[in-house]
Amino acid sequence: MVNKQFLKGYAAPLGFAFLVSFLASPGILMGSNKLTFEFSERSPPYSYSNGEKAAGLFPDMVQLVFSFIPDYTTKNVVVPWSRAQYNVRLGRSDGLLTYPSKERGEYVVFSAKPLFTQDFGYLVYSAENPNVDLIESATRFADLSGLTIIVEKGSKWEEDNIPDYLERVPGRHLNAMMHLLMLRKAGDFLVQPAQDARLVARQLGYSRKLRVRKVDFIPNSLISFHIGISRKLPSAMEVINQVDSVMQNPEFQSQLKALIESYR
């Protein structure tokens, strides 16, 4: 008969050895180092849903960064932008690529340098707008104080940089904003990058009446997009330190430039 005391004494080391072996297996280690990034589901060409996959420049850029960081793998998902921020705030997901607003800095650790920069120094409007002369002659926001701006719902940059005295009409994403401007005539102008406005206007059939004007009175018009990692993630600082290191790598910089150019 087997000695029960022997089995009792042997079972504990055996169970511990099995546990160590299980946790050290490649699949488990990989799973523990997988980071989930969330992106806006309707912001082409930057991020959008392609079937069940996240597509666009922003998911591709994050994927490129982590291709240089073998310690981590990434999963990219697209959801409504407000939900993405909510999930990262609660630690349900791990990361974002976004404007580093003060509010987001309370729940996200941002990379030291931007991964991407957009120029929002443009007024976008319709040639058929009755206030077109005023829009084309304005030298400051105060000159536009009697007009209505169409903004992106939830945009922290617009909250920080567009004066409160301008009446606002919110749109969920740029396509909806363009329809509000051109079709419904719900507002007088947008503030958007020229390239984005022209792309969406062409897709929606508004190119002929689109007008875009470069101005110098929009504060912080060069918007930086930084990788942000949820402060709920225990390894957040470790991840960001590795991201910062990768972004100084000349080979990464070369591949990033080529990737951005491929979307233009």
Protein backbone atom coordinates (compact mmCIF):
# COMPACT_ATOMS: atom_id res chain seq x y z
CA MET A 1 0.00 0.00 0.00
CA VAL A 2 1.27 3.48 -0.85
CA ASN A 3 2.12 5.58 2.16
CA LYS A 4 -0.46 8.42 2.28
CA GLN A 5 1.94 10.68 4.15
CA PHE A 6 4.45 10.19 1.32
CA LEU A 7 1.86 11.15 -1.27
CA LYS A 8 0.76 14.13 0.80
CA GLY A 9 4.34 15.38 1.05
CA TYR A 10 5.06 14.75 -2.62
CA ALA A 11 1.88 16.31 -4.02
CA ALA A 12 2.75 19.87 -3.02
CA PRO A 13 6.14 20.06 -4.80
CA LEU A 14 4.67 18.28 -7.79
CA GLY A 15 1.77 20.71 -8.02
CA PHE A 16 4.09 23.68 -7.65
CA ALA A 17 6.39 22.38 -10.37
CA PHE A 18 3.41 21.92 -12.70
CA LEU A 19 2.19 25.44 -11.99
CA VAL A 20 5.61 26.93 -12.71
CA SER A 21 5.86 24.93 -15.93
CA PHE A 22 2.33 26.02 -16.97
CA LEU A 23 2.91 29.71 -16.29
CA ALA A 24 6.25 29.63 -18.06
CA SER A 25 4.85 28.12 -21.24
CA PRO A 26 5.12 30.39 -24.33
CA GLY A 27 1.37 30.71 -24.76
CA ILE A 28 0.85 31.95 -21.22
CA LEU A 29 3.76 34.35 -21.34
CA MET A 30 2.59 35.75 -24.65
CA GLY A 31 -0.95 36.16 -23.35
CA SER A 32 0.22 38.07 -20.29
CA ASN A 33 2.17 40.48 -22.52
CA LYS A 34 -0.58 41.14 -25.06
CA LEU A 35 -1.74 44.76 -25.06
CA THR A 36 -5.16 45.75 -26.37
CA PHE A 37 -5.35 49.11 -28.16
CA GLU A 38 -8.67 50.72 -28.98
CA PHE A 39 -9.36 53.08 -31.89
CA SER A 40 -12.30 55.03 -33.28
CA GLU A 41 -14.45 52.85 -35.50
CA ARG A 42 -15.38 55.57 -38.00
CA SER A 43 -12.37 57.83 -38.62
CA PRO A 44 -10.97 56.78 -42.00
CA PRO A 45 -8.24 56.77 -43.13
CA TYR A 46 -6.90 56.87 -39.56
CA SER A 47 -8.99 54.07 -38.06
CA TYR A 48 -12.08 52.17 -39.08
CA SER A 49 -13.65 48.73 -39.08
CA ASN A 50 -12.75 46.38 -41.92
CA GLY A 51 -15.05 43.48 -41.25
CA GLU A 52 -14.02 42.29 -37.80
CA LYS A 53 -10.56 43.87 -38.00
CA ALA A 54 -9.18 47.27 -37.06
CA ALA A 55 -7.82 49.02 -40.15
CA GLY A 56 -6.22 52.36 -40.94
CA LEU A 57 -3.07 54.37 -40.37
CA PHE A 58 -3.28 54.52 -36.57
CA PRO A 59 -3.59 50.74 -35.96
CA ASP A 60 -0.82 50.20 -38.51
CA MET A 61 1.47 52.68 -36.76
CA VAL A 62 0.92 51.08 -33.34
CA GLN A 63 1.56 47.67 -34.90
CA LEU A 64 4.80 48.98 -36.39
CA VAL A 65 5.99 50.32 -33.02
CA PHE A 66 5.46 47.00 -31.28
CA SER A 67 7.09 45.04 -34.09
CA PHE A 68 10.27 46.54 -32.63
CA ILE A 69 9.35 45.44 -29.07
CA PRO A 70 9.47 41.63 -28.87
CA ASP A 71 8.38 41.60 -25.22
CA TYR A 72 4.83 42.60 -26.19
CA THR A 73 2.22 41.80 -28.80
CA THR A 74 -0.80 43.93 -29.61
CA LYS A 75 -4.46 43.43 -30.37
CA ASN A 76 -6.17 46.33 -32.16
CA VAL A 77 -9.93 46.84 -31.91
CA VAL A 78 -12.27 49.58 -33.14
CA VAL A 79 -15.21 50.87 -31.11
CA PRO A 80 -17.00 54.21 -30.68
CA TRP A 81 -14.34 56.68 -29.56
CA SER A 82 -16.06 57.56 -26.28
CA ARG A 83 -16.13 53.86 -25.38
CA ALA A 84 -12.44 53.46 -26.23
CA GLN A 85 -11.50 56.21 -23.79
CA TYR A 86 -13.83 54.78 -21.13
CA ASN A 87 -12.35 51.30 -21.46
CA VAL A 88 -8.77 52.52 -21.16
CA ARG A 89 -9.67 54.74 -18.20
CA LEU A 90 -11.03 51.69 -16.35
CA GLY A 91 -8.16 49.45 -17.42
CA ARG A 92 -10.39 47.18 -19.51
CA SER A 93 -8.07 47.91 -22.43
CA ASP A 94 -4.46 48.98 -22.39
CA GLY A 95 -3.78 51.73 -24.88
CA LEU A 96 -4.77 54.55 -27.22
CA LEU A 97 -3.14 56.70 -29.87
CA THR A 98 -4.47 60.19 -29.23
CA TYR A 99 -3.98 63.85 -28.37
CA PRO A 100 -2.43 64.00 -24.87
CA SER A 101 -5.02 66.22 -23.18
CA LYS A 102 -4.71 67.07 -19.49
CA GLU A 103 -7.79 64.99 -18.71
CA ARG A 104 -6.43 61.91 -20.48
CA GLY A 105 -3.12 62.33 -18.69
CA GLU A 106 -4.93 61.51 -15.45
CA TYR A 107 -5.53 57.92 -16.55
CA VAL A 108 -2.94 57.39 -19.30
CA VAL A 109 0.87 57.52 -19.43
CA PHE A 110 1.90 59.09 -22.74
CA SER A 111 4.98 58.62 -24.89
CA ALA A 112 7.46 61.48 -24.72
CA LYS A 113 7.23 62.23 -28.45
CA PRO A 114 4.30 62.10 -30.88
CA LEU A 115 3.93 59.23 -33.29
CA PHE A 116 1.99 61.41 -35.72
CA THR A 117 1.17 65.10 -36.19
CA GLN A 118 -1.80 66.68 -37.96
CA ASP A 119 -2.15 70.31 -39.06
CA PHE A 120 -5.58 71.61 -37.99
CA GLY A 121 -4.83 75.16 -39.14
CA TYR A 122 -7.58 75.23 -41.79
CA LEU A 123 -11.12 76.54 -42.05
CA VAL A 124 -13.34 74.23 -44.09
CA TYR A 125 -16.56 75.66 -45.54
CA SER A 126 -18.95 75.66 -48.49
CA ALA A 127 -18.68 78.03 -51.44
CA GLU A 128 -22.47 78.37 -51.14
CA ASN A 129 -22.35 79.61 -47.53
CA PRO A 130 -23.90 83.11 -47.30
CA ASN A 131 -21.08 84.11 -44.92
CA VAL A 132 -18.29 83.07 -47.27
CA ASP A 133 -16.82 86.59 -47.49
CA LEU A 134 -16.58 86.83 -43.71
CA ILE A 135 -14.93 83.39 -43.46
CA GLU A 136 -12.39 84.30 -46.13
CA SER A 137 -11.48 87.65 -44.59
CA ALA A 138 -11.32 86.66 -40.89
CA THR A 139 -7.98 87.23 -39.18
CA ARG A 140 -9.02 85.95 -35.74
CA PHE A 141 -11.71 83.81 -34.17
CA ALA A 142 -13.44 86.93 -32.87
CA ASP A 143 -14.25 87.87 -36.48
CA LEU A 144 -16.27 84.64 -36.69
CA SER A 145 -18.12 85.15 -33.42
CA GLY A 146 -21.54 85.35 -35.08
CA LEU A 147 -21.07 82.07 -36.95
CA THR A 148 -21.55 78.42 -36.02
CA ILE A 149 -18.77 75.87 -36.01
CA ILE A 150 -19.39 72.16 -36.49
CA VAL A 151 -17.21 70.17 -34.08
CA GLU A 152 -16.43 66.53 -33.46
CA LYS A 153 -18.28 65.17 -30.47
CA GLY A 154 -15.84 64.37 -27.66
CA SER A 155 -12.86 66.19 -29.21
CA LYS A 156 -10.70 67.38 -26.32
CA TRP A 157 -8.50 69.41 -28.65
CA GLU A 158 -11.48 71.43 -29.88
CA GLU A 159 -12.64 71.97 -26.30
CA ASP A 160 -9.19 73.30 -25.43
CA ASN A 161 -8.59 75.46 -28.51
CA ILE A 162 -11.89 76.64 -30.02
CA PRO A 163 -13.31 79.69 -28.16
CA ASP A 164 -16.40 79.08 -26.06
CA TYR A 165 -18.24 82.03 -27.58
CA LEU A 166 -18.60 80.24 -30.93
CA GLU A 167 -21.89 78.38 -31.22
CA ARG A 168 -21.27 74.66 -31.71
CA VAL A 169 -23.07 71.87 -33.54
CA PRO A 170 -21.57 68.43 -32.77
CA GLY A 171 -21.06 65.58 -35.22
CA ARG A 172 -20.03 62.04 -34.37
CA HIS A 173 -17.24 61.83 -36.97
CA LEU A 174 -15.90 63.73 -39.99
CA ASN A 175 -18.34 62.18 -42.48
CA ALA A 176 -21.30 63.27 -40.34
CA MET A 177 -19.72 66.71 -39.86
CA MET A 178 -19.32 67.14 -43.61
CA HIS A 179 -22.97 66.26 -44.18
CA LEU A 180 -23.97 68.77 -41.48
CA LEU A 181 -21.92 71.43 -43.24
CA MET A 182 -22.73 70.76 -46.90
CA LEU A 183 -26.13 69.08 -46.93
CA ARG A 184 -27.98 70.20 -43.84
CA LYS A 185 -26.23 73.59 -43.59
CA ALA A 186 -26.32 73.25 -39.81
CA GLY A 187 -23.15 75.32 -39.39
CA ASP A 188 -20.79 77.65 -41.23
CA PHE A 189 -17.40 75.98 -41.03
CA LEU A 190 -15.20 73.21 -39.63
CA VAL A 191 -11.63 73.24 -38.38
CA GLN A 192 -9.91 70.22 -39.94
CA PRO A 193 -6.73 69.18 -41.76
CA ALA A 194 -7.03 70.12 -45.44
CA GLN A 195 -6.12 66.63 -46.68
CA ASP A 196 -8.79 64.97 -44.52
CA ALA A 197 -11.48 67.45 -45.57
CA ARG A 198 -10.72 67.00 -49.27
CA LEU A 199 -10.71 63.20 -48.98
CA VAL A 200 -14.09 63.05 -47.22
CA ALA A 201 -15.64 65.69 -49.50
CA ARG A 202 -14.56 63.67 -52.54
CA GLN A 203 -15.98 60.46 -51.10
CA LEU A 204 -19.31 62.13 -50.28
CA GLY A 205 -19.62 64.08 -53.52
CA TYR A 206 -19.04 67.57 -52.13
CA SER A 207 -15.73 68.40 -53.82
CA ARG A 208 -17.13 71.04 -56.20
CA LYS A 209 -18.40 73.30 -53.43
CA LEU A 210 -15.68 72.60 -50.86
CA ARG A 211 -13.47 75.50 -49.81
CA VAL A 212 -10.40 75.19 -47.57
CA ARG A 213 -8.50 78.16 -46.17
CA LYS A 214 -5.20 78.12 -44.28
CA VAL A 215 -5.21 80.51 -41.30
CA ASP A 216 -2.69 81.40 -38.61
CA PHE A 217 -5.00 82.17 -35.67
CA ILE A 218 -5.91 78.65 -34.56
CA PRO A 219 -3.92 77.86 -31.38
CA ASN A 220 -2.01 74.59 -31.13
CA SER A 221 -3.02 73.77 -34.69
CA LEU A 222 -0.29 71.14 -35.00
CA ILE A 223 -1.94 68.32 -33.08
CA SER A 224 0.32 65.60 -31.80
CA PHE A 225 -0.86 62.03 -31.40
CA HIS A 226 0.97 60.07 -28.72
CA ILE A 227 0.82 56.44 -27.67
CA GLY A 228 -0.87 56.26 -24.28
CA ILE A 229 -0.91 53.31 -21.88
CA SER A 230 -3.52 52.93 -19.14
CA ARG A 231 -2.18 53.71 -15.67
CA LYS A 232 -4.14 50.65 -14.51
CA LEU A 233 -1.60 48.44 -16.29
CA PRO A 234 1.16 47.52 -13.79
CA SER A 235 3.82 47.59 -16.51
CA ALA A 236 2.67 50.93 -18.00
CA MET A 237 5.96 52.76 -17.44
CA GLU A 238 7.98 49.82 -18.73
CA VAL A 239 5.92 49.77 -21.92
CA ILE A 240 6.21 53.54 -22.46
CA ASN A 241 9.97 53.46 -21.85
CA GLN A 242 10.32 50.83 -24.56
CA VAL A 243 8.07 52.83 -26.90
CA ASP A 244 10.20 55.95 -26.33
CA SER A 245 13.33 53.96 -27.10
CA VAL A 246 11.90 52.54 -30.34
CA MET A 247 10.86 55.98 -31.57
CA GLN A 248 14.52 57.07 -31.55
CA ASN A 249 15.53 54.10 -33.72
CA PRO A 250 16.54 55.30 -37.23
CA GLU A 251 15.21 52.13 -38.87
CA PHE A 252 11.84 52.61 -37.15
CA GLN A 253 11.73 56.27 -38.22
CA SER A 254 12.40 55.27 -41.82
CA GLN A 255 9.63 52.64 -41.80
CA LEU A 256 7.21 55.04 -40.08
CA LYS A 257 7.80 57.69 -42.74
CA ALA A 258 7.16 55.15 -45.50
CA LEU A 259 3.99 53.96 -43.78
CA ILE A 260 2.59 57.49 -43.47
CA GLU A 261 3.43 58.25 -47.10
CA SER A 262 1.56 55.12 -48.20
CA TYR A 263 -1.67 56.66 -46.88
CA ARG A 264 -1.28 59.92 -48.82
